[in-house]
Amino acid sequence: MTGIRNRLQHRLNPLHLYCRLRTLGMTHGTAVILSRCYERALYRLVLA
């Protein structure tokens, strides 16, 4: 069960999201704003 949790933590990590947004061609500022909003709104609730 911990393997699944570790994989989810990695995939749902705000830094991972930021990197994927940058890979898709998003600007630095927009990717930072979106990943911060994601972290505050969802990440802390889901994996807290």
N, C-alpha and C. Protein backbone atom coordinates (compact mmCIF):
# COMPACT_ATOMS: atom_id res chain seq x y z
N MET A 1 0.82 -1.20 0.00
CA MET A 1 0.00 0.00 0.00
C MET A 1 0.86 1.26 0.00
N THR A 2 2.04 1.21 0.63
CA THR A 2 2.88 2.40 0.67
C THR A 2 3.45 2.74 -0.70
N GLY A 3 3.62 1.72 -1.55
CA GLY A 3 4.11 1.97 -2.91
C GLY A 3 3.14 2.82 -3.70
N ILE A 4 1.87 2.54 -3.56
CA ILE A 4 0.84 3.32 -4.25
C ILE A 4 0.84 4.75 -3.72
N ARG A 5 0.92 4.89 -2.40
CA ARG A 5 0.92 6.23 -1.80
C ARG A 5 2.14 7.03 -2.27
N ASN A 6 3.30 6.40 -2.32
CA ASN A 6 4.51 7.10 -2.77
C ASN A 6 4.39 7.56 -4.22
N ARG A 7 3.84 6.71 -5.07
CA ARG A 7 3.65 7.09 -6.48
C ARG A 7 2.67 8.24 -6.61
N LEU A 8 1.60 8.21 -5.83
CA LEU A 8 0.63 9.30 -5.87
C LEU A 8 1.24 10.60 -5.35
N GLN A 9 2.02 10.51 -4.29
CA GLN A 9 2.67 11.71 -3.77
C GLN A 9 3.58 12.34 -4.82
N HIS A 10 4.29 11.51 -5.55
CA HIS A 10 5.18 12.03 -6.59
C HIS A 10 4.38 12.67 -7.72
N ARG A 11 3.39 11.96 -8.23
CA ARG A 11 2.61 12.44 -9.37
C ARG A 11 1.78 13.67 -9.04
N LEU A 12 1.29 13.75 -7.82
CA LEU A 12 0.43 14.86 -7.43
C LEU A 12 1.20 16.01 -6.78
N ASN A 13 2.52 15.88 -6.69
CA ASN A 13 3.36 16.91 -6.09
C ASN A 13 3.28 18.20 -6.91
N PRO A 14 3.14 19.36 -6.25
CA PRO A 14 3.06 20.63 -6.98
C PRO A 14 4.29 20.91 -7.85
N LEU A 15 5.47 20.50 -7.41
CA LEU A 15 6.66 20.70 -8.24
C LEU A 15 6.59 19.85 -9.51
N HIS A 16 6.08 18.64 -9.39
CA HIS A 16 5.90 17.77 -10.55
C HIS A 16 4.91 18.42 -11.52
N LEU A 17 3.82 18.96 -10.97
CA LEU A 17 2.84 19.65 -11.81
C LEU A 17 3.48 20.83 -12.52
N TYR A 18 4.26 21.62 -11.79
CA TYR A 18 4.96 22.77 -12.39
C TYR A 18 5.83 22.32 -13.57
N CYS A 19 6.59 21.27 -13.37
CA CYS A 19 7.47 20.77 -14.44
C CYS A 19 6.68 20.32 -15.66
N ARG A 20 5.57 19.65 -15.44
CA ARG A 20 4.75 19.20 -16.56
C ARG A 20 4.13 20.39 -17.29
N LEU A 21 3.71 21.41 -16.56
CA LEU A 21 3.15 22.60 -17.21
C LEU A 21 4.20 23.31 -18.04
N ARG A 22 5.42 23.39 -17.53
CA ARG A 22 6.52 24.00 -18.29
C ARG A 22 6.83 23.18 -19.54
N THR A 23 6.79 21.86 -19.42
CA THR A 23 7.03 20.99 -20.56
C THR A 23 5.99 21.21 -21.65
N LEU A 24 4.77 21.53 -21.23
CA LEU A 24 3.70 21.78 -22.19
C LEU A 24 3.80 23.16 -22.83
N GLY A 25 4.77 23.97 -22.40
CA GLY A 25 5.00 25.26 -23.03
C GLY A 25 4.45 26.45 -22.27
N MET A 26 3.99 26.25 -21.07
CA MET A 26 3.45 27.35 -20.27
C MET A 26 4.59 28.22 -19.75
N THR A 27 4.33 29.51 -19.61
CA THR A 27 5.37 30.41 -19.10
C THR A 27 5.63 30.12 -17.62
N HIS A 28 6.80 30.57 -17.15
CA HIS A 28 7.20 30.34 -15.76
C HIS A 28 6.17 30.91 -14.79
N GLY A 29 5.79 32.15 -14.99
CA GLY A 29 4.86 32.81 -14.08
C GLY A 29 3.51 32.12 -13.98
N THR A 30 2.96 31.76 -15.11
CA THR A 30 1.66 31.08 -15.12
C THR A 30 1.75 29.72 -14.46
N ALA A 31 2.81 28.98 -14.75
CA ALA A 31 2.98 27.65 -14.15
C ALA A 31 3.14 27.75 -12.64
N VAL A 32 3.86 28.76 -12.16
CA VAL A 32 4.04 28.96 -10.72
C VAL A 32 2.70 29.27 -10.06
N ILE A 33 1.94 30.17 -10.66
CA ILE A 33 0.64 30.54 -10.09
C ILE A 33 -0.28 29.33 -10.03
N LEU A 34 -0.36 28.58 -11.11
CA LEU A 34 -1.24 27.41 -11.13
C LEU A 34 -0.81 26.33 -10.14
N SER A 35 0.49 26.08 -10.05
CA SER A 35 0.95 25.04 -9.13
C SER A 35 0.77 25.48 -7.67
N ARG A 36 0.92 26.77 -7.38
CA ARG A 36 0.68 27.26 -6.02
C ARG A 36 -0.80 27.16 -5.66
N CYS A 37 -1.66 27.55 -6.59
CA CYS A 37 -3.10 27.44 -6.34
C CYS A 37 -3.50 25.98 -6.13
N TYR A 38 -2.95 25.11 -6.95
CA TYR A 38 -3.22 23.68 -6.81
C TYR A 38 -2.77 23.18 -5.44
N GLU A 39 -1.57 23.60 -5.02
CA GLU A 39 -1.05 23.15 -3.73
C GLU A 39 -1.95 23.59 -2.59
N ARG A 40 -2.35 24.84 -2.62
CA ARG A 40 -3.18 25.38 -1.54
C ARG A 40 -4.59 24.82 -1.54
N ALA A 41 -5.14 24.60 -2.71
CA ALA A 41 -6.55 24.19 -2.81
C ALA A 41 -6.73 22.68 -2.68
N LEU A 42 -5.85 21.89 -3.28
CA LEU A 42 -6.09 20.45 -3.35
C LEU A 42 -5.04 19.57 -2.69
N TYR A 43 -3.78 19.83 -2.95
CA TYR A 43 -2.71 18.94 -2.53
C TYR A 43 -2.70 18.73 -1.02
N ARG A 44 -2.80 19.80 -0.28
CA ARG A 44 -2.77 19.69 1.19
C ARG A 44 -3.98 18.94 1.73
N LEU A 45 -5.10 19.05 1.05
CA LEU A 45 -6.30 18.33 1.49
C LEU A 45 -6.22 16.84 1.18
N VAL A 46 -5.72 16.53 -0.02
CA VAL A 46 -5.70 15.14 -0.47
C VAL A 46 -4.63 14.32 0.25
N LEU A 47 -3.43 14.85 0.39
CA LEU A 47 -2.34 14.06 0.94
C LEU A 47 -1.87 14.54 2.31
N ALA A 48 -2.71 15.24 3.01
CA ALA A 48 -2.32 15.73 4.33
C ALA A 48 -2.41 14.64 5.36
